């Protein structure tokens, strides 16, 4: 399974393909030589590399190889012991009073830290969604419209948020760019309204 399922490709300011990575690869393979395409991950706004020199099938296989998490088989286990739970040990630096408090918690320090992280994730989820959606829209806007007039104004309006000013700038930009950024900003608007 590919980490993100929706991508959009642009050549200059024209949208030339959108959908799964397979859809985008096929759409780009049908293009004649010209400027290199810019492929954006719709979920993050980040640019994606797709090497189409050997055709769409090879490009998709290479993309999957580079983007899918590589699972390393663990050593064969025999006998008794604790099962693998996907736990990763890392260093945590705390002050002595924090360690003292954690030591007195039910289940020990690790269980207390997991409970604290889970609680923080629940309470910060709406803010995290807003930040992620806004960052994705900004990344895509910087890649597509960083050189267009009004980019700074649109950036300020996105982060403020001032949707009237944002839409006013978008209305002066190429239609495909404006439509895509309007689409990405919809999740920012929805998250900001929550």
C-alpha atoms as a PDB file:
ATOM      1  CA  UNK A   1       0.000   0.000   0.000  1.00  0.00           C
ATOM      2  CA  UNK A   2       1.292   3.474  -0.901  1.00  0.00           C
ATOM      3  CA  UNK A   3       1.501   5.905   2.046  1.00  0.00           C
ATOM      4  CA  UNK A   4      -0.652   8.583   0.367  1.00  0.00           C
ATOM      5  CA  UNK A   5      -3.203   7.797  -2.271  1.00  0.00           C
ATOM      6  CA  UNK A   6      -3.689  11.077  -4.106  1.00  0.00           C
ATOM      7  CA  UNK A   7      -1.216  13.030  -6.224  1.00  0.00           C
ATOM      8  CA  UNK A   8      -1.424  15.900  -8.697  1.00  0.00           C
ATOM      9  CA  UNK A   9       1.019  16.655 -11.523  1.00  0.00           C
ATOM     10  CA  UNK A  10       1.672  20.039 -13.095  1.00  0.00           C
ATOM     11  CA  UNK A  11       3.673  21.111 -16.112  1.00  0.00           C
ATOM     12  CA  UNK A  12       4.361  24.802 -15.597  1.00  0.00           C
ATOM     13  CA  UNK A  13       0.991  26.034 -14.281  1.00  0.00           C
ATOM     14  CA  UNK A  14      -1.180  23.463 -16.043  1.00  0.00           C
ATOM     15  CA  UNK A  15      -2.560  20.427 -14.229  1.00  0.00           C
ATOM     16  CA  UNK A  16      -1.809  17.360 -16.364  1.00  0.00           C
ATOM     17  CA  UNK A  17      -2.889  14.530 -14.080  1.00  0.00           C
ATOM     18  CA  UNK A  18      -4.402  13.730 -10.734  1.00  0.00           C
ATOM     19  CA  UNK A  19      -5.291  10.628  -8.754  1.00  0.00           C
ATOM     20  CA  UNK A  20      -3.295   7.622  -7.652  1.00  0.00           C
ATOM     21  CA  UNK A  21       0.407   7.471  -8.409  1.00  0.00           C
ATOM     22  CA  UNK A  22      -0.421   5.008 -11.192  1.00  0.00           C
ATOM     23  CA  UNK A  23      -2.882   7.484 -12.778  1.00  0.00           C
ATOM     24  CA  UNK A  24      -0.324  10.279 -12.612  1.00  0.00           C
ATOM     25  CA  UNK A  25       2.462   8.111 -14.065  1.00  0.00           C
ATOM     26  CA  UNK A  26       0.283   7.102 -17.029  1.00  0.00           C
ATOM     27  CA  UNK A  27      -0.798  10.719 -17.626  1.00  0.00           C
ATOM     28  CA  UNK A  28       2.812  11.904 -17.596  1.00  0.00           C
ATOM     29  CA  UNK A  29       3.998   9.061 -19.829  1.00  0.00           C
ATOM     30  CA  UNK A  30       1.539  10.260 -22.491  1.00  0.00           C
ATOM     31  CA  UNK A  31       3.093  13.753 -22.554  1.00  0.00           C
ATOM     32  CA  UNK A  32       5.642  14.661 -25.163  1.00  0.00           C
ATOM     33  CA  UNK A  33       9.021  16.064 -24.190  1.00  0.00           C
ATOM     34  CA  UNK A  34       8.854  19.410 -22.499  1.00  0.00           C
ATOM     35  CA  UNK A  35       9.520  20.982 -19.138  1.00  0.00           C
ATOM     36  CA  UNK A  36       9.787  18.518 -16.257  1.00  0.00           C
ATOM     37  CA  UNK A  37       6.562  17.919 -14.358  1.00  0.00           C
ATOM     38  CA  UNK A  38       6.024  18.817 -10.728  1.00  0.00           C
ATOM     39  CA  UNK A  39       4.203  16.052  -8.865  1.00  0.00           C
ATOM     40  CA  UNK A  40       2.685  16.944  -5.498  1.00  0.00           C
ATOM     41  CA  UNK A  41       1.437  14.659  -2.759  1.00  0.00           C
ATOM     42  CA  UNK A  42      -2.038  16.037  -2.050  1.00  0.00           C
ATOM     43  CA  UNK A  43      -1.884  15.048   1.640  1.00  0.00           C
ATOM     44  CA  UNK A  44       1.398  16.822   2.425  1.00  0.00           C
ATOM     45  CA  UNK A  45       1.936  19.278  -0.425  1.00  0.00           C
ATOM     46  CA  UNK A  46       5.436  17.842  -0.828  1.00  0.00           C
ATOM     47  CA  UNK A  47       7.034  17.281  -4.213  1.00  0.00           C
ATOM     48  CA  UNK A  48       7.324  13.650  -5.291  1.00  0.00           C
ATOM     49  CA  UNK A  49       9.925  12.218  -7.640  1.00  0.00           C
ATOM     50  CA  UNK A  50       8.793   9.880 -10.375  1.00  0.00           C
ATOM     51  CA  UNK A  51      11.438   8.693 -12.854  1.00  0.00           C
ATOM     52  CA  UNK A  52       9.549   8.030 -16.084  1.00  0.00           C
ATOM     53  CA  UNK A  53      12.605   7.390 -18.295  1.00  0.00           C
ATOM     54  CA  UNK A  54      11.834   3.657 -18.381  1.00  0.00           C
ATOM     55  CA  UNK A  55       8.062   3.911 -18.587  1.00  0.00           C
ATOM     56  CA  UNK A  56       5.249   4.198 -16.059  1.00  0.00           C
ATOM     57  CA  UNK A  57       5.500   0.634 -14.726  1.00  0.00           C
ATOM     58  CA  UNK A  58       9.180   1.010 -13.855  1.00  0.00           C
ATOM     59  CA  UNK A  59       8.510   4.460 -12.365  1.00  0.00           C
ATOM     60  CA  UNK A  60       5.768   3.097 -10.120  1.00  0.00           C
ATOM     61  CA  UNK A  61       7.896   0.142  -9.004  1.00  0.00           C
ATOM     62  CA  UNK A  62      10.789   2.495  -8.186  1.00  0.00           C
ATOM     63  CA  UNK A  63       8.426   4.862  -6.343  1.00  0.00           C
ATOM     64  CA  UNK A  64       7.045   2.030  -4.210  1.00  0.00           C
ATOM     65  CA  UNK A  65      10.524   0.734  -3.459  1.00  0.00           C
ATOM     66  CA  UNK A  66      11.602   4.186  -2.254  1.00  0.00           C
ATOM     67  CA  UNK A  67       8.479   5.166  -0.312  1.00  0.00           C
ATOM     68  CA  UNK A  68       7.137   2.036   1.326  1.00  0.00           C
ATOM     69  CA  UNK A  69       8.514   1.260   4.767  1.00  0.00           C
ATOM     70  CA  UNK A  70      11.135  -1.432   4.613  1.00  0.00           C
ATOM     71  CA  UNK A  71      10.392  -4.186   7.104  1.00  0.00           C
ATOM     72  CA  UNK A  72      13.470  -5.946   8.307  1.00  0.00           C
ATOM     73  CA  UNK A  73      12.840  -9.496   9.418  1.00  0.00           C
ATOM     74  CA  UNK A  74      13.803  -9.922  13.047  1.00  0.00           C
ATOM     75  CA  UNK A  75      15.937 -12.737  14.296  1.00  0.00           C
ATOM     76  CA  UNK A  76      14.162 -16.054  14.518  1.00  0.00           C
ATOM     77  CA  UNK A  77      12.888 -16.597  18.004  1.00  0.00           C
ATOM     78  CA  UNK A  78      12.587 -19.908  19.631  1.00  0.00           C
ATOM     79  CA  UNK A  79      11.516 -20.697  23.100  1.00  0.00           C
ATOM     80  CA  UNK A  80       9.959 -18.538  25.735  1.00  0.00           C
ATOM     81  CA  UNK A  81      10.098 -14.833  26.288  1.00  0.00           C
ATOM     82  CA  UNK A  82       8.159 -11.694  25.550  1.00  0.00           C
ATOM     83  CA  UNK A  83       6.633 -11.399  22.084  1.00  0.00           C
ATOM     84  CA  UNK A  84       7.656  -8.570  19.773  1.00  0.00           C
ATOM     85  CA  UNK A  85       5.190  -5.739  20.198  1.00  0.00           C
ATOM     86  CA  UNK A  86       6.696  -3.208  17.813  1.00  0.00           C
ATOM     87  CA  UNK A  87       8.223  -1.273  20.695  1.00  0.00           C
ATOM     88  CA  UNK A  88      11.194   0.916  19.876  1.00  0.00           C
ATOM     89  CA  UNK A  89      13.556   1.879  22.685  1.00  0.00           C
ATOM     90  CA  UNK A  90      14.848   5.453  22.546  1.00  0.00           C
ATOM     91  CA  UNK A  91      16.446   7.817  24.994  1.00  0.00           C
ATOM     92  CA  UNK A  92      14.334  10.254  27.007  1.00  0.00           C
ATOM     93  CA  UNK A  93      16.000  12.999  29.030  1.00  0.00           C
ATOM     94  CA  UNK A  94      14.098  14.191  32.096  1.00  0.00           C
ATOM     95  CA  UNK A  95      14.899  16.003  35.326  1.00  0.00           C
ATOM     96  CA  UNK A  96      15.219  13.934  38.531  1.00  0.00           C
ATOM     97  CA  UNK A  97      11.793  15.028  39.829  1.00  0.00           C
ATOM     98  CA  UNK A  98      10.210  13.793  36.577  1.00  0.00           C
ATOM     99  CA  UNK A  99      11.863  10.393  36.920  1.00  0.00           C
ATOM    100  CA  UNK A 100      10.720  10.226  40.567  1.00  0.00           C
ATOM    101  CA  UNK A 101       7.120  10.957  39.556  1.00  0.00           C
ATOM    102  CA  UNK A 102       7.222   8.431  36.697  1.00  0.00           C
ATOM    103  CA  UNK A 103       8.638   5.732  38.984  1.00  0.00           C
ATOM    104  CA  UNK A 104       5.616   6.055  41.264  1.00  0.00           C
ATOM    105  CA  UNK A 105       3.068   5.633  38.456  1.00  0.00           C
ATOM    106  CA  UNK A 106       1.179   2.362  37.904  1.00  0.00           C
ATOM    107  CA  UNK A 107       2.922   0.261  35.278  1.00  0.00           C
ATOM    108  CA  UNK A 108       6.190   2.153  35.588  1.00  0.00           C
ATOM    109  CA  UNK A 109       7.753   4.956  33.569  1.00  0.00           C
ATOM    110  CA  UNK A 110       7.101   3.520  30.104  1.00  0.00           C
ATOM    111  CA  UNK A 111       3.412   2.925  30.709  1.00  0.00           C
ATOM    112  CA  UNK A 112       2.987   6.396  32.245  1.00  0.00           C
ATOM    113  CA  UNK A 113       4.752   8.033  29.294  1.00  0.00           C
ATOM    114  CA  UNK A 114       2.545   6.129  26.829  1.00  0.00           C
ATOM    115  CA  UNK A 115      -0.580   7.305  28.692  1.00  0.00           C
ATOM    116  CA  UNK A 116       0.666  10.910  28.693  1.00  0.00           C
ATOM    117  CA  UNK A 117       1.455  10.817  24.973  1.00  0.00           C
ATOM    118  CA  UNK A 118      -1.941   9.286  24.150  1.00  0.00           C
ATOM    119  CA  UNK A 119      -3.743  11.959  26.199  1.00  0.00           C
ATOM    120  CA  UNK A 120      -1.740  14.744  24.535  1.00  0.00           C
ATOM    121  CA  UNK A 121      -2.493  13.315  21.085  1.00  0.00           C
ATOM    122  CA  UNK A 122      -6.228  13.297  21.838  1.00  0.00           C
ATOM    123  CA  UNK A 123      -6.295  16.888  23.089  1.00  0.00           C
ATOM    124  CA  UNK A 124      -4.048  18.311  20.382  1.00  0.00           C
ATOM    125  CA  UNK A 125      -5.612  16.438  17.430  1.00  0.00           C
ATOM    126  CA  UNK A 126      -7.723  19.363  16.094  1.00  0.00           C
ATOM    127  CA  UNK A 127      -4.747  21.742  16.230  1.00  0.00           C
ATOM    128  CA  UNK A 128      -2.492  19.140  14.639  1.00  0.00           C
ATOM    129  CA  UNK A 129      -4.957  18.614  11.770  1.00  0.00           C
ATOM    130  CA  UNK A 130      -5.129  22.377  11.171  1.00  0.00           C
ATOM    131  CA  UNK A 131      -1.344  22.729  11.197  1.00  0.00           C
ATOM    132  CA  UNK A 132      -0.830  19.748   8.871  1.00  0.00           C
ATOM    133  CA  UNK A 133      -3.470  20.971   6.400  1.00  0.00           C
ATOM    134  CA  UNK A 134      -2.093  24.515   6.439  1.00  0.00           C
ATOM    135  CA  UNK A 135       1.492  23.300   6.007  1.00  0.00           C
ATOM    136  CA  UNK A 136       0.460  21.084   3.076  1.00  0.00           C
ATOM    137  CA  UNK A 137      -1.339  24.001   1.380  1.00  0.00           C
ATOM    138  CA  UNK A 138       1.658  26.277   1.966  1.00  0.00           C
ATOM    139  CA  UNK A 139       4.178  23.737   0.604  1.00  0.00           C
ATOM    140  CA  UNK A 140       2.121  23.255  -2.548  1.00  0.00           C
ATOM    141  CA  UNK A 141       1.613  27.004  -2.922  1.00  0.00           C
ATOM    142  CA  UNK A 142       5.350  27.675  -2.552  1.00  0.00           C
ATOM    143  CA  UNK A 143       6.158  25.034  -5.177  1.00  0.00           C
ATOM    144  CA  UNK A 144       3.519  26.162  -7.679  1.00  0.00           C
ATOM    145  CA  UNK A 145       3.192  29.882  -7.078  1.00  0.00           C
ATOM    146  CA  UNK A 146       6.323  30.989  -5.247  1.00  0.00           C
ATOM    147  CA  UNK A 147       7.271  33.231  -8.186  1.00  0.00           C
ATOM    148  CA  UNK A 148       3.773  34.528  -8.935  1.00  0.00           C
ATOM    149  CA  UNK A 149       2.707  38.044  -7.969  1.00  0.00           C
ATOM    150  CA  UNK A 150       0.890  38.096  -4.653  1.00  0.00           C
ATOM    151  CA  UNK A 151       2.558  34.982  -3.216  1.00  0.00           C
ATOM    152  CA  UNK A 152       3.570  36.732   0.029  1.00  0.00           C
ATOM    153  CA  UNK A 153       0.094  38.221   0.395  1.00  0.00           C
ATOM    154  CA  UNK A 154      -1.506  34.808  -0.141  1.00  0.00           C
ATOM    155  CA  UNK A 155       0.886  33.235   2.384  1.00  0.00           C
ATOM    156  CA  UNK A 156       0.010  35.764   5.049  1.00  0.00           C
ATOM    157  CA  UNK A 157      -3.708  35.299   4.316  1.00  0.00           C
ATOM    158  CA  UNK A 158      -3.369  31.491   4.590  1.00  0.00           C
ATOM    159  CA  UNK A 159      -1.715  31.660   8.006  1.00  0.00           C
ATOM    160  CA  UNK A 160      -3.879  34.507   9.380  1.00  0.00           C
ATOM    161  CA  UNK A 161      -6.468  33.109   8.080  1.00  0.00           C
ATOM    162  CA  UNK A 162      -8.104  35.732   5.868  1.00  0.00           C
ATOM    163  CA  UNK A 163     -10.005  33.753   3.240  1.00  0.00           C
ATOM    164  CA  UNK A 164     -11.246  36.836   1.394  1.00  0.00           C
ATOM    165  CA  UNK A 165      -7.681  38.041   0.783  1.00  0.00           C
ATOM    166  CA  UNK A 166      -6.512  34.504  -0.014  1.00  0.00           C
ATOM    167  CA  UNK A 167      -9.255  33.979  -2.606  1.00  0.00           C
ATOM    168  CA  UNK A 168      -8.604  37.422  -4.109  1.00  0.00           C
ATOM    169  CA  UNK A 169      -4.968  36.520  -4.799  1.00  0.00           C
ATOM    170  CA  UNK A 170      -5.908  33.077  -6.133  1.00  0.00           C
ATOM    171  CA  UNK A 171      -8.317  34.667  -8.588  1.00  0.00           C
ATOM    172  CA  UNK A 172      -5.346  36.393 -10.277  1.00  0.00           C
ATOM    173  CA  UNK A 173      -3.325  33.191 -10.652  1.00  0.00           C
ATOM    174  CA  UNK A 174      -3.497  30.593 -13.454  1.00  0.00           C
ATOM    175  CA  UNK A 175      -6.780  28.647 -13.203  1.00  0.00           C
ATOM    176  CA  UNK A 176      -5.303  25.178 -12.559  1.00  0.00           C
ATOM    177  CA  UNK A 177      -3.013  26.491  -9.805  1.00  0.00           C
ATOM    178  CA  UNK A 178      -5.842  28.473  -8.202  1.00  0.00           C
ATOM    179  CA  UNK A 179      -8.248  25.508  -8.325  1.00  0.00           C
ATOM    180  CA  UNK A 180      -5.699  23.141  -6.768  1.00  0.00           C
ATOM    181  CA  UNK A 181      -4.760  25.541  -3.977  1.00  0.00           C
ATOM    182  CA  UNK A 182      -8.411  26.291  -3.325  1.00  0.00           C
ATOM    183  CA  UNK A 183      -9.004  22.535  -3.035  1.00  0.00           C
ATOM    184  CA  UNK A 184      -6.108  22.130  -0.573  1.00  0.00           C
ATOM    185  CA  UNK A 185      -7.188  25.146   1.450  1.00  0.00           C
ATOM    186  CA  UNK A 186     -10.659  23.635   1.933  1.00  0.00           C
ATOM    187  CA  UNK A 187      -9.299  21.291   4.612  1.00  0.00           C
ATOM    188  CA  UNK A 188      -7.565  24.249   6.291  1.00  0.00           C
ATOM    189  CA  UNK A 189     -10.841  26.168   6.296  1.00  0.00           C
ATOM    190  CA  UNK A 190     -12.713  23.166   7.703  1.00  0.00           C
ATOM    191  CA  UNK A 191     -10.099  22.572  10.422  1.00  0.00           C
ATOM    192  CA  UNK A 192     -10.031  26.265  11.358  1.00  0.00           C
ATOM    193  CA  UNK A 193     -13.827  26.241  11.712  1.00  0.00           C
ATOM    194  CA  UNK A 194     -13.712  23.358  14.269  1.00  0.00           C
END
